[in-house]
Protein backbone atom coordinates (compact mmCIF):
# COMPACT_ATOMS: atom_id res chain seq x y z
CA UNK A 1 -122.78 -8.29 -14.43
CA UNK A 2 -125.10 -5.87 -16.25
CA UNK A 3 -128.76 -5.98 -15.32
CA UNK A 4 -130.71 -9.09 -17.01
CA UNK A 5 -131.39 -8.93 -20.46
CA UNK A 6 -134.80 -9.57 -22.30
CA UNK A 7 -132.96 -10.71 -25.74
CA UNK A 8 -130.96 -13.41 -23.72
CA UNK A 9 -131.47 -17.19 -25.02
CA UNK A 10 -132.79 -19.53 -22.49
CA UNK A 11 -130.89 -22.82 -21.01
CA UNK A 12 -132.53 -24.91 -23.66
CA UNK A 13 -131.64 -22.98 -27.01
CA UNK A 14 -127.96 -22.63 -25.57
CA UNK A 15 -126.90 -26.17 -24.84
CA UNK A 16 -129.83 -28.19 -26.81
CA UNK A 17 -131.01 -30.12 -23.98
CA UNK A 18 -133.18 -28.77 -20.34
CA UNK A 19 -132.38 -27.94 -17.70
CA UNK A 20 -132.50 -30.63 -14.80
CA UNK A 21 -132.35 -28.06 -11.43
CA UNK A 22 -133.67 -24.57 -10.88
CA UNK A 23 -132.84 -22.85 -7.69
CA UNK A 24 -133.06 -19.18 -6.57
CA UNK A 25 -131.14 -17.22 -3.64
CA UNK A 26 -131.82 -13.77 -2.66
CA UNK A 27 -129.69 -10.96 -2.50
CA UNK A 28 -129.63 -9.04 1.11
CA UNK A 29 -129.83 -5.35 3.16
CA UNK A 30 -127.76 -5.31 6.21
CA UNK A 31 -130.25 -3.31 8.34
CA UNK A 32 -127.36 -2.66 11.23
CA UNK A 33 -124.12 -4.10 11.90
CA UNK A 34 -121.81 -2.77 9.67
CA UNK A 35 -118.49 -3.76 9.53
CA UNK A 36 -118.72 -6.22 12.71
CA UNK A 37 -118.80 -9.35 11.00
CA UNK A 38 -115.14 -9.91 10.02
CA UNK A 39 -114.15 -8.89 14.15
CA UNK A 40 -116.76 -11.71 15.16
CA UNK A 41 -119.62 -9.54 16.43
CA UNK A 42 -123.44 -8.97 15.34
CA UNK A 43 -125.67 -8.19 12.19
CA UNK A 44 -128.93 -7.87 11.02
CA UNK A 45 -129.41 -8.49 7.52
CA UNK A 46 -132.89 -9.31 5.92
CA UNK A 47 -133.39 -10.51 2.02
CA UNK A 48 -134.85 -8.38 -0.46
CA UNK A 49 -136.77 -9.22 -3.70
CA UNK A 50 -134.01 -9.29 -5.99
CA UNK A 51 -132.43 -12.89 -6.91
CA UNK A 52 -130.00 -14.87 -8.38
CA UNK A 53 -132.06 -17.45 -10.97
CA UNK A 54 -129.90 -20.84 -11.81
CA UNK A 55 -130.55 -23.41 -14.16
CA UNK A 56 -127.88 -26.56 -14.34
CA UNK A 57 -127.70 -29.56 -16.01
CA UNK A 58 -124.82 -32.48 -15.11
CA UNK A 59 -122.76 -33.56 -17.81
CA UNK A 60 -120.78 -36.67 -18.40
CA UNK A 61 -117.49 -35.49 -18.19
CA UNK A 62 -115.48 -32.51 -16.17
CA UNK A 63 -115.85 -29.33 -18.27
CA UNK A 64 -118.15 -26.56 -16.82
CA UNK A 65 -119.91 -24.43 -19.17
CA UNK A 66 -121.69 -21.31 -18.21
CA UNK A 67 -123.57 -18.30 -19.51
CA UNK A 68 -124.99 -15.37 -17.48
CA UNK A 69 -128.61 -14.01 -19.00
CA UNK A 70 -127.29 -10.73 -17.70
CA UNK A 71 -124.71 -10.49 -20.86
CA UNK A 72 -127.69 -10.59 -23.31
CA UNK A 73 -127.39 -12.17 -26.45
CA UNK A 74 -124.08 -10.59 -27.19
CA UNK A 75 -122.91 -12.78 -24.22
CA UNK A 76 -121.30 -15.98 -24.79
CA UNK A 77 -120.95 -18.98 -23.38
CA UNK A 78 -117.71 -19.89 -20.90
CA UNK A 79 -115.95 -22.94 -20.20
CA UNK A 80 -113.35 -23.94 -17.60
CA UNK A 81 -112.40 -27.77 -16.88
CA UNK A 82 -112.93 -28.63 -13.45
CA UNK A 83 -109.56 -29.01 -11.61
CA UNK A 84 -108.30 -25.99 -14.33
CA UNK A 85 -109.89 -22.95 -12.40
CA UNK A 86 -107.84 -20.30 -12.38
CA UNK A 87 -108.59 -16.35 -11.37
CA UNK A 88 -109.03 -13.48 -13.56
CA UNK A 89 -111.99 -14.27 -16.02
CA UNK A 90 -114.53 -11.67 -14.57
CA UNK A 91 -117.66 -13.07 -12.99
CA UNK A 92 -116.70 -16.66 -13.97
CA UNK A 93 -114.26 -16.45 -11.46
CA UNK A 94 -117.81 -16.74 -8.33
CA UNK A 95 -118.45 -20.07 -10.51
CA UNK A 96 -115.14 -21.14 -10.49
CA UNK A 97 -114.41 -20.59 -7.06
CA UNK A 98 -117.48 -22.31 -5.98
CA UNK A 99 -115.80 -25.47 -8.12
CA UNK A 100 -112.65 -25.09 -6.45
CA UNK A 101 -113.87 -24.92 -2.91
CA UNK A 102 -116.00 -27.86 -3.34
CA UNK A 103 -112.91 -29.87 -4.24
CA UNK A 104 -110.93 -28.63 -1.25
CA UNK A 105 -113.56 -29.18 1.11
CA UNK A 106 -113.82 -33.44 -0.53
CA UNK A 107 -117.25 -32.54 -2.05
CA UNK A 108 -117.01 -34.06 -5.38
CA UNK A 109 -119.46 -32.71 -8.64
CA UNK A 110 -118.97 -33.75 -11.98
CA UNK A 111 -119.46 -31.11 -14.84
CA UNK A 112 -122.41 -29.02 -16.16
CA UNK A 113 -123.74 -26.28 -18.13
CA UNK A 114 -125.11 -23.52 -16.37
CA UNK A 115 -127.47 -20.77 -16.76
CA UNK A 116 -127.68 -17.51 -14.77
CA UNK A 117 -129.53 -14.37 -14.20
CA UNK A 118 -129.38 -12.04 -11.47
CA UNK A 119 -131.07 -8.86 -10.71
CA UNK A 120 -129.22 -7.95 -7.86
CA UNK A 121 -127.46 -4.57 -8.87
CA UNK A 122 -123.79 -5.08 -8.59
CA UNK A 123 -121.67 -3.11 -6.63
CA UNK A 124 -124.78 -1.97 -4.74
CA UNK A 125 -123.98 -3.05 -1.50
CA UNK A 126 -126.69 -5.76 -1.58
CA UNK A 127 -124.22 -8.94 -1.75
CA UNK A 128 -125.22 -9.76 -6.03
CA UNK A 129 -122.16 -12.02 -5.36
CA UNK A 130 -123.37 -14.15 -2.23
CA UNK A 131 -126.88 -14.35 -4.13
CA UNK A 132 -124.74 -16.03 -7.05
CA UNK A 133 -122.93 -18.57 -4.99
CA UNK A 134 -125.50 -19.44 -3.13
CA UNK A 135 -127.67 -20.34 -5.46
CA UNK A 136 -125.24 -22.50 -7.55
CA UNK A 137 -124.08 -24.40 -4.23
CA UNK A 138 -128.03 -25.13 -3.78
CA UNK A 139 -128.26 -25.84 -7.58
CA UNK A 140 -125.05 -28.70 -7.06
CA UNK A 141 -126.39 -29.71 -3.68
CA UNK A 142 -129.60 -30.90 -5.76
CA UNK A 143 -128.07 -32.00 -9.12
CA UNK A 144 -125.13 -34.04 -7.19
CA UNK A 145 -126.73 -35.11 -4.15
CA UNK A 146 -124.19 -33.21 -1.77
CA UNK A 147 -124.70 -33.47 1.78
CA UNK A 148 -124.70 -29.61 2.47
CA UNK A 149 -126.93 -27.89 4.81
CA UNK A 150 -127.56 -24.24 4.73
CA UNK A 151 -124.96 -23.04 7.20
CA UNK A 152 -122.40 -24.96 5.27
CA UNK A 153 -123.45 -23.59 2.10
CA UNK A 154 -123.06 -20.13 3.60
CA UNK A 155 -119.34 -21.13 4.87
CA UNK A 156 -118.62 -22.24 1.37
CA UNK A 157 -119.55 -19.06 -0.48
CA UNK A 158 -117.26 -16.81 1.99
CA UNK A 159 -114.54 -19.67 1.42
CA UNK A 160 -115.31 -18.38 -2.83
CA UNK A 161 -114.61 -14.77 -2.15
CA UNK A 162 -111.50 -15.25 0.27
CA UNK A 163 -109.70 -18.19 -0.68
CA UNK A 164 -110.67 -17.67 -5.13
CA UNK A 165 -111.47 -13.85 -5.63
CA UNK A 166 -109.50 -12.42 -3.36
CA UNK A 167 -112.24 -10.67 -1.23
CA UNK A 168 -111.72 -10.51 2.57
CA UNK A 169 -115.29 -10.87 3.48
CA UNK A 170 -117.47 -11.89 6.82
CA UNK A 171 -119.66 -14.51 6.74
CA UNK A 172 -122.82 -11.96 6.86
CA UNK A 173 -123.46 -11.94 3.29
CA UNK A 174 -123.82 -15.80 2.58
CA UNK A 175 -125.57 -16.24 5.67
CA UNK A 176 -128.28 -13.82 4.92
CA UNK A 177 -128.70 -15.41 1.23
CA UNK A 178 -128.61 -18.78 2.39
CA UNK A 179 -130.73 -18.20 5.35
CA UNK A 180 -132.84 -15.13 5.53
CA UNK A 181 -136.34 -14.79 4.28
CA UNK A 182 -139.46 -13.53 4.22
CA UNK A 183 -140.00 -10.01 6.06
CA UNK A 184 -137.98 -11.11 8.82
CA UNK A 185 -134.41 -10.00 9.77
CA UNK A 186 -131.65 -12.41 10.40
CA UNK A 187 -130.01 -11.82 13.85
CA UNK A 188 -126.64 -13.44 13.53
CA UNK A 189 -123.83 -13.95 16.31
CA UNK A 190 -121.11 -14.49 13.61
CA UNK A 191 -118.66 -15.88 15.70
CA UNK A 192 -121.01 -18.73 16.82
CA UNK A 193 -122.83 -18.76 13.72
CA UNK A 194 -126.27 -19.15 16.54
CA UNK A 195 -129.19 -17.24 14.50
CA UNK A 196 -132.46 -16.08 14.95
CA UNK A 197 -135.30 -14.44 12.46
CA UNK A 198 -137.03 -11.45 13.79
CA UNK A 199 -139.96 -10.41 12.45
CA UNK A 200 -139.98 -6.77 11.37
CA UNK A 201 -142.87 -5.20 13.64
CA UNK A 202 -146.14 -4.66 11.41
CA UNK A 203 -145.81 -0.73 11.82
CA UNK A 204 -142.54 -0.95 9.54
CA UNK A 205 -140.97 -1.49 6.24
CA UNK A 206 -138.10 -0.82 4.48
CA UNK A 207 -136.99 0.57 1.90
CA UNK A 208 -133.70 0.33 0.32
CA UNK A 209 -132.38 3.01 -2.46
CA UNK A 210 -128.87 2.30 -4.67
CA UNK A 211 -126.85 5.36 -4.93
CA UNK A 212 -125.41 4.28 -8.58
CA UNK A 213 -122.12 4.47 -6.97
CA UNK A 214 -120.81 0.93 -7.26
CA UNK A 215 -118.29 -0.34 -5.01
CA UNK A 216 -115.95 -3.72 -4.77
CA UNK A 217 -115.19 -5.62 -1.37
CA UNK A 218 -111.81 -6.88 -3.68
CA UNK A 219 -110.46 -3.13 -3.68
CA UNK A 220 -107.99 -1.56 -1.51
CA UNK A 221 -110.31 0.40 0.86
CA UNK A 222 -112.15 -2.47 2.08
CA UNK A 223 -109.13 -4.32 3.11
CA UNK A 224 -107.38 -1.28 4.57
CA UNK A 225 -110.39 -1.34 6.81
CA UNK A 226 -109.97 -5.21 7.82
CA UNK A 227 -106.48 -4.58 8.57
CA UNK A 228 -106.54 -1.73 10.58
CA UNK A 229 -109.02 -3.99 12.81
CA UNK A 230 -106.86 -6.73 12.88
CA UNK A 231 -103.86 -4.28 13.97
CA UNK A 232 -106.24 -2.51 16.65
CA UNK A 233 -106.86 -6.19 17.85
CA UNK A 234 -103.27 -7.14 18.25
CA UNK A 235 -102.17 -3.97 19.82
CA UNK A 236 -105.32 -4.42 22.26
CA UNK A 237 -104.12 -7.86 23.09
CA UNK A 238 -107.76 -9.34 22.11
CA UNK A 239 -108.01 -11.72 19.14
CA UNK A 240 -110.64 -10.22 17.73
CA UNK A 241 -112.86 -6.61 18.79
CA UNK A 242 -115.78 -8.83 19.45
CA UNK A 243 -113.62 -9.75 22.81
CA UNK A 244 -112.91 -5.74 23.82
CA UNK A 245 -114.79 -4.99 26.87
CA UNK A 246 -116.86 -1.47 26.44
CA UNK A 247 -115.06 0.13 29.32
CA UNK A 248 -111.56 -0.68 27.45
CA UNK A 249 -112.76 1.93 24.88
CA UNK A 250 -110.39 4.94 26.49
CA UNK A 251 -107.79 2.90 25.94
CA UNK A 252 -108.82 1.89 22.54
CA UNK A 253 -108.86 6.21 21.48
CA UNK A 254 -105.31 6.05 22.62
CA UNK A 255 -104.16 4.24 19.91
CA UNK A 256 -102.68 5.51 16.60
CA UNK A 257 -104.81 7.72 14.66
CA UNK A 258 -107.27 6.09 13.13
CA UNK A 259 -107.27 2.89 14.86
CA UNK A 260 -108.92 4.25 17.68
CA UNK A 261 -112.11 5.59 16.00
CA UNK A 262 -111.68 2.15 14.10
CA UNK A 263 -112.49 0.51 17.45
CA UNK A 264 -115.12 2.55 18.73
CA UNK A 265 -117.28 2.27 15.48
CA UNK A 266 -117.44 -1.38 16.02
CA UNK A 267 -117.90 -1.41 19.78
CA UNK A 268 -120.97 0.90 19.31
CA UNK A 269 -122.27 -0.62 16.21
CA UNK A 270 -122.41 -4.26 18.04
CA UNK A 271 -124.33 -2.44 20.71
CA UNK A 272 -126.67 -0.42 18.68
CA UNK A 273 -127.28 -4.25 16.40
CA UNK A 274 -128.52 -5.78 20.17
CA UNK A 275 -130.56 -2.25 20.92
CA UNK A 276 -132.32 -2.38 17.20
CA UNK A 277 -133.44 -6.28 17.67
CA UNK A 278 -134.64 -5.16 20.93
CA UNK A 279 -136.65 -2.33 19.80
CA UNK A 280 -138.19 -4.70 16.80
CA UNK A 281 -138.86 -8.02 19.65
CA UNK A 282 -140.69 -5.12 21.59
CA UNK A 283 -141.94 -2.89 19.00
CA UNK A 284 -140.71 0.37 19.87
CA UNK A 285 -140.99 1.86 16.44
CA UNK A 286 -139.50 5.78 17.99
CA UNK A 287 -135.94 3.78 19.02
CA UNK A 288 -135.49 2.60 15.58
CA UNK A 289 -134.89 5.75 13.80
CA UNK A 290 -131.81 7.14 16.35
CA UNK A 291 -130.20 3.85 15.75
CA UNK A 292 -129.92 4.18 12.52
CA UNK A 293 -128.75 7.41 11.96
CA UNK A 294 -126.20 6.72 14.78
CA UNK A 295 -124.92 4.18 12.93
CA UNK A 296 -124.81 6.02 9.71
CA UNK A 297 -122.30 8.76 11.47
CA UNK A 298 -120.54 5.89 12.84
CA UNK A 299 -119.83 4.86 9.55
CA UNK A 300 -119.38 8.47 7.89
CA UNK A 301 -117.22 9.75 10.90
CA UNK A 302 -115.19 6.70 12.79
CA UNK A 303 -115.13 4.37 9.79
CA UNK A 304 -114.98 7.06 6.98
CA UNK A 305 -116.80 4.17 4.56
CA UNK A 306 -119.52 6.61 3.61
CA UNK A 307 -119.02 9.05 0.50
CA UNK A 308 -121.29 12.21 -0.52
CA UNK A 309 -123.61 10.09 -2.31
CA UNK A 310 -124.88 8.18 0.54
CA UNK A 311 -124.30 11.02 2.97
CA UNK A 312 -127.34 13.19 0.65
CA UNK A 313 -129.64 10.43 0.35
CA UNK A 314 -129.48 10.10 4.40
CA UNK A 315 -129.83 14.03 4.99
CA UNK A 316 -132.54 13.53 2.05
CA UNK A 317 -134.56 10.99 4.35
CA UNK A 318 -134.37 12.94 7.62
CA UNK A 319 -136.92 15.53 5.82
CA UNK A 320 -139.33 12.42 5.35
CA UNK A 321 -141.65 12.75 8.07
CA UNK A 322 -142.92 8.95 7.52
CA UNK A 323 -138.88 7.88 7.61
CA UNK A 324 -137.90 6.46 11.00
CA UNK A 325 -134.19 6.40 10.08
CA UNK A 326 -131.51 5.65 7.55
CA UNK A 327 -128.01 4.67 7.10
CA UNK A 328 -125.16 3.26 4.57
CA UNK A 329 -125.44 0.09 4.08
CA UNK A 330 -123.22 -2.75 2.79
CA UNK A 331 -119.22 -2.41 2.56
CA UNK A 332 -119.17 1.07 1.67
CA UNK A 333 -117.74 3.30 -0.69
CA UNK A 334 -121.04 3.58 -2.65
CA UNK A 335 -123.50 1.50 -3.00
CA UNK A 336 -126.87 1.69 -0.88
CA UNK A 337 -128.84 3.39 1.51
CA UNK A 338 -131.29 1.55 4.07
CA UNK A 339 -134.33 3.29 5.62
CA UNK A 340 -137.39 2.42 7.91
CA UNK A 341 -140.64 3.96 7.12
CA UNK A 342 -144.09 3.70 8.84
CA UNK A 343 -146.10 0.73 6.92
CA UNK A 344 -147.79 1.72 3.89
CA UNK A 345 -145.66 5.32 2.98
CA UNK A 346 -142.66 3.60 2.01
CA UNK A 347 -142.87 3.25 -1.88
CA UNK A 348 -143.95 7.61 -1.68
CA UNK A 349 -141.27 8.88 0.43
CA UNK A 350 -138.72 6.80 -1.60
CA UNK A 351 -139.86 7.94 -4.76
CA UNK A 352 -139.27 11.46 -3.24
CA UNK A 353 -136.48 10.89 -1.99
CA UNK A 354 -135.17 9.70 -5.17
CA UNK A 355 -136.38 12.18 -7.49
CA UNK A 356 -134.39 15.34 -4.91
CA UNK A 357 -131.46 12.74 -5.22
CA UNK A 358 -131.46 13.04 -8.87
CA UNK A 359 -131.90 16.90 -9.61
CA UNK A 360 -128.70 17.56 -6.59
CA UNK A 361 -126.54 14.52 -7.60
CA UNK A 362 -124.21 13.54 -10.66
CA UNK A 363 -125.52 9.79 -10.32
CA UNK A 364 -129.10 8.13 -10.65
CA UNK A 365 -130.82 6.71 -7.71
CA UNK A 366 -133.02 3.41 -7.99
CA UNK A 367 -135.35 2.53 -5.50
CA UNK A 368 -134.96 -1.04 -5.14
CA UNK A 369 -137.17 -1.81 -1.81
CA UNK A 370 -140.18 -1.75 -1.54
CA UNK A 371 -140.50 -2.77 -5.33
CA UNK A 372 -142.73 -0.82 -7.82
CA UNK A 373 -146.05 -2.50 -8.72
CA UNK A 374 -146.32 -2.23 -12.85
CA UNK A 375 -149.70 -0.60 -13.78
CA UNK A 376 -152.40 -2.97 -14.53
């Protein structure tokens, strides 16, 4: 979906009646812990201000009519019948996927009219799809009285992508969209689903800059990385790479290329998540920067998911004295960079980095966090 359009009609103008339910769900940025979720490891995402907003009202029949305000006045209402969901309809696949997985889970919903709007940039590594899934599941929970807690909503959202859309994602994105809030990071064990909200220290604030290079989890590169991890785990005799002891890393490095380097990224990234959580709890700001930069280097060299534009943003961050550290965030092959800066300095540092990036890259950077404040 494109960015929200101001000329898009609202729910009542489209459907001739007021909506009954209005809910939201945020996008997320992952501070650290990349490509560890589908390996049973640790992640540390947090919510961002950008959100997906959903309005809906139940119908008397089994028809779903859906409209995206991101398409503007030129957009049209798409529709389908419950039980007749078919892939291949673009953004509507995420709506169809939600009703599909609810039916597969034995949860009954009727038809509904749906209006949605999102300012989470598509393909930015900030989980626009998870925000849509979680927002819609929240709306259907309220509209049809479904018995769903926030963790179940996240798991159903993951099934939308894996079982219907065809993107073999881990559970981090949906858990973050469903459970993260405020300025606290969500420390999540993706195997046990145990989580803890860890506040950022008062002296640090996040920066998120979109590189303008889009990516897709349903594309081939993401699938290749996941398949490589599964192959490495099988060769090493473990169910998931999470199960491999650190002392077995030399054995992993003896695997055929590039499997050993993929394993090294996962093992060292899990360790970096745990160290980052400890640094946040203790307020050790000096420890945070090296962890973020090491994570980026590992993604670039061992996991090979970075691109030159992302590397440029990270390099530009190094020249900013108030930026503690920076790294690629999200699945890679484009998307965004997350940075941690000293509190109060983030907006100015981000603006300088974006300006310099625009002069050196063929894409334009967008500062998403901190959000700019409109002039009075």
